[in-house]
């Protein structure tokens, strides 16, 4: 079983109906784990009618910091989420 299937099954087992009408702020680093989390929640958001906004803090710790920030911004624009 793929990891995204396991993750989705776990979400389905919880009471997702309680998410209806809620607003979520997802902190996203631009790394694979937070991008995966974002995409998973984005995919189920329309089924459960909740809104997602993204947050990212660029500490400029390494040479990839700017690229990570730009990825986060582009994801928010591509999927029409507030950044």
C-alpha atoms as a PDB file:
ATOM      1  CA  UNK A   1       0.000   0.000   0.000  1.00  0.00           C
ATOM      2  CA  UNK A   2       1.310   3.441  -0.891  1.00  0.00           C
ATOM      3  CA  UNK A   3       1.958   5.958   1.863  1.00  0.00           C
ATOM      4  CA  UNK A   4      -0.650   8.379   0.513  1.00  0.00           C
ATOM      5  CA  UNK A   5      -3.287   5.620   0.626  1.00  0.00           C
ATOM      6  CA  UNK A   6      -2.396   4.843   4.237  1.00  0.00           C
ATOM      7  CA  UNK A   7      -2.544   8.524   5.126  1.00  0.00           C
ATOM      8  CA  UNK A   8      -5.922   9.020   3.446  1.00  0.00           C
ATOM      9  CA  UNK A   9      -7.385   5.941   5.111  1.00  0.00           C
ATOM     10  CA  UNK A  10      -6.237   7.285   8.474  1.00  0.00           C
ATOM     11  CA  UNK A  11      -7.915  10.621   7.751  1.00  0.00           C
ATOM     12  CA  UNK A  12     -11.137   8.903   6.699  1.00  0.00           C
ATOM     13  CA  UNK A  13     -11.208   6.974   9.981  1.00  0.00           C
ATOM     14  CA  UNK A  14     -11.267  10.259  11.897  1.00  0.00           C
ATOM     15  CA  UNK A  15     -14.331  12.487  12.073  1.00  0.00           C
ATOM     16  CA  UNK A  16     -13.653  14.674   9.047  1.00  0.00           C
ATOM     17  CA  UNK A  17     -17.193  16.030   9.078  1.00  0.00           C
ATOM     18  CA  UNK A  18     -16.130  18.198  12.017  1.00  0.00           C
ATOM     19  CA  UNK A  19     -13.822  20.055   9.594  1.00  0.00           C
ATOM     20  CA  UNK A  20     -16.700  21.507   7.559  1.00  0.00           C
ATOM     21  CA  UNK A  21     -16.505  25.270   7.304  1.00  0.00           C
ATOM     22  CA  UNK A  22     -13.199  25.463   9.180  1.00  0.00           C
ATOM     23  CA  UNK A  23     -10.133  27.419   8.107  1.00  0.00           C
ATOM     24  CA  UNK A  24      -6.671  25.881   8.312  1.00  0.00           C
ATOM     25  CA  UNK A  25      -3.290  27.539   8.231  1.00  0.00           C
ATOM     26  CA  UNK A  26      -0.716  24.997   7.086  1.00  0.00           C
ATOM     27  CA  UNK A  27       2.915  25.821   7.770  1.00  0.00           C
ATOM     28  CA  UNK A  28       4.865  24.644   4.746  1.00  0.00           C
ATOM     29  CA  UNK A  29       8.648  24.504   4.449  1.00  0.00           C
ATOM     30  CA  UNK A  30       8.839  23.568   0.786  1.00  0.00           C
ATOM     31  CA  UNK A  31      10.243  20.156   1.699  1.00  0.00           C
ATOM     32  CA  UNK A  32       8.705  16.925   0.511  1.00  0.00           C
ATOM     33  CA  UNK A  33       6.923  16.153   3.787  1.00  0.00           C
ATOM     34  CA  UNK A  34       5.108  19.473   4.136  1.00  0.00           C
ATOM     35  CA  UNK A  35       4.277  19.593   0.408  1.00  0.00           C
ATOM     36  CA  UNK A  36       2.804  16.077   0.724  1.00  0.00           C
ATOM     37  CA  UNK A  37       0.759  17.172   3.737  1.00  0.00           C
ATOM     38  CA  UNK A  38      -0.466  20.228   1.845  1.00  0.00           C
ATOM     39  CA  UNK A  39      -1.474  18.248  -1.257  1.00  0.00           C
ATOM     40  CA  UNK A  40      -3.294  15.647   0.827  1.00  0.00           C
ATOM     41  CA  UNK A  41      -5.320  18.247   2.691  1.00  0.00           C
ATOM     42  CA  UNK A  42      -5.907  20.212  -0.508  1.00  0.00           C
ATOM     43  CA  UNK A  43      -7.346  17.128  -2.191  1.00  0.00           C
ATOM     44  CA  UNK A  44      -9.829  16.430   0.600  1.00  0.00           C
ATOM     45  CA  UNK A  45     -10.718  20.074   1.295  1.00  0.00           C
ATOM     46  CA  UNK A  46     -13.400  20.230  -1.389  1.00  0.00           C
ATOM     47  CA  UNK A  47     -15.082  17.047  -0.130  1.00  0.00           C
ATOM     48  CA  UNK A  48     -15.225  18.338   3.437  1.00  0.00           C
ATOM     49  CA  UNK A  49     -15.684  22.042   2.659  1.00  0.00           C
ATOM     50  CA  UNK A  50     -12.781  23.550   4.567  1.00  0.00           C
ATOM     51  CA  UNK A  51     -10.401  26.310   3.554  1.00  0.00           C
ATOM     52  CA  UNK A  52      -6.610  26.176   3.482  1.00  0.00           C
ATOM     53  CA  UNK A  53      -4.116  29.015   3.748  1.00  0.00           C
ATOM     54  CA  UNK A  54      -0.356  28.571   3.633  1.00  0.00           C
ATOM     55  CA  UNK A  55       2.390  30.041   5.799  1.00  0.00           C
ATOM     56  CA  UNK A  56       6.131  29.935   5.191  1.00  0.00           C
ATOM     57  CA  UNK A  57       9.030  31.518   7.067  1.00  0.00           C
ATOM     58  CA  UNK A  58      12.269  31.968   5.154  1.00  0.00           C
ATOM     59  CA  UNK A  59      15.172  32.034   7.621  1.00  0.00           C
ATOM     60  CA  UNK A  60      17.756  31.949   4.811  1.00  0.00           C
ATOM     61  CA  UNK A  61      19.572  29.081   6.536  1.00  0.00           C
ATOM     62  CA  UNK A  62      20.912  27.538   3.339  1.00  0.00           C
ATOM     63  CA  UNK A  63      21.267  28.044  -0.405  1.00  0.00           C
ATOM     64  CA  UNK A  64      17.893  26.361  -1.038  1.00  0.00           C
ATOM     65  CA  UNK A  65      15.910  28.730   1.182  1.00  0.00           C
ATOM     66  CA  UNK A  66      14.857  31.044  -1.626  1.00  0.00           C
ATOM     67  CA  UNK A  67      13.873  28.118  -3.875  1.00  0.00           C
ATOM     68  CA  UNK A  68      11.769  26.615  -1.085  1.00  0.00           C
ATOM     69  CA  UNK A  69      10.016  29.936  -0.523  1.00  0.00           C
ATOM     70  CA  UNK A  70       9.326  30.350  -4.233  1.00  0.00           C
ATOM     71  CA  UNK A  71       7.888  26.816  -4.382  1.00  0.00           C
ATOM     72  CA  UNK A  72       5.523  27.640  -1.520  1.00  0.00           C
ATOM     73  CA  UNK A  73       4.403  30.844  -3.199  1.00  0.00           C
ATOM     74  CA  UNK A  74       3.876  29.111  -6.545  1.00  0.00           C
ATOM     75  CA  UNK A  75       1.816  26.325  -4.914  1.00  0.00           C
ATOM     76  CA  UNK A  76      -0.432  28.872  -3.229  1.00  0.00           C
ATOM     77  CA  UNK A  77      -0.957  30.699  -6.518  1.00  0.00           C
ATOM     78  CA  UNK A  78      -1.476  27.525  -8.549  1.00  0.00           C
ATOM     79  CA  UNK A  79      -4.195  26.232  -6.228  1.00  0.00           C
ATOM     80  CA  UNK A  80      -5.631  29.628  -5.215  1.00  0.00           C
ATOM     81  CA  UNK A  81      -4.755  29.391  -1.516  1.00  0.00           C
ATOM     82  CA  UNK A  82      -3.966  32.462   0.558  1.00  0.00           C
ATOM     83  CA  UNK A  83      -0.276  32.821   1.360  1.00  0.00           C
END
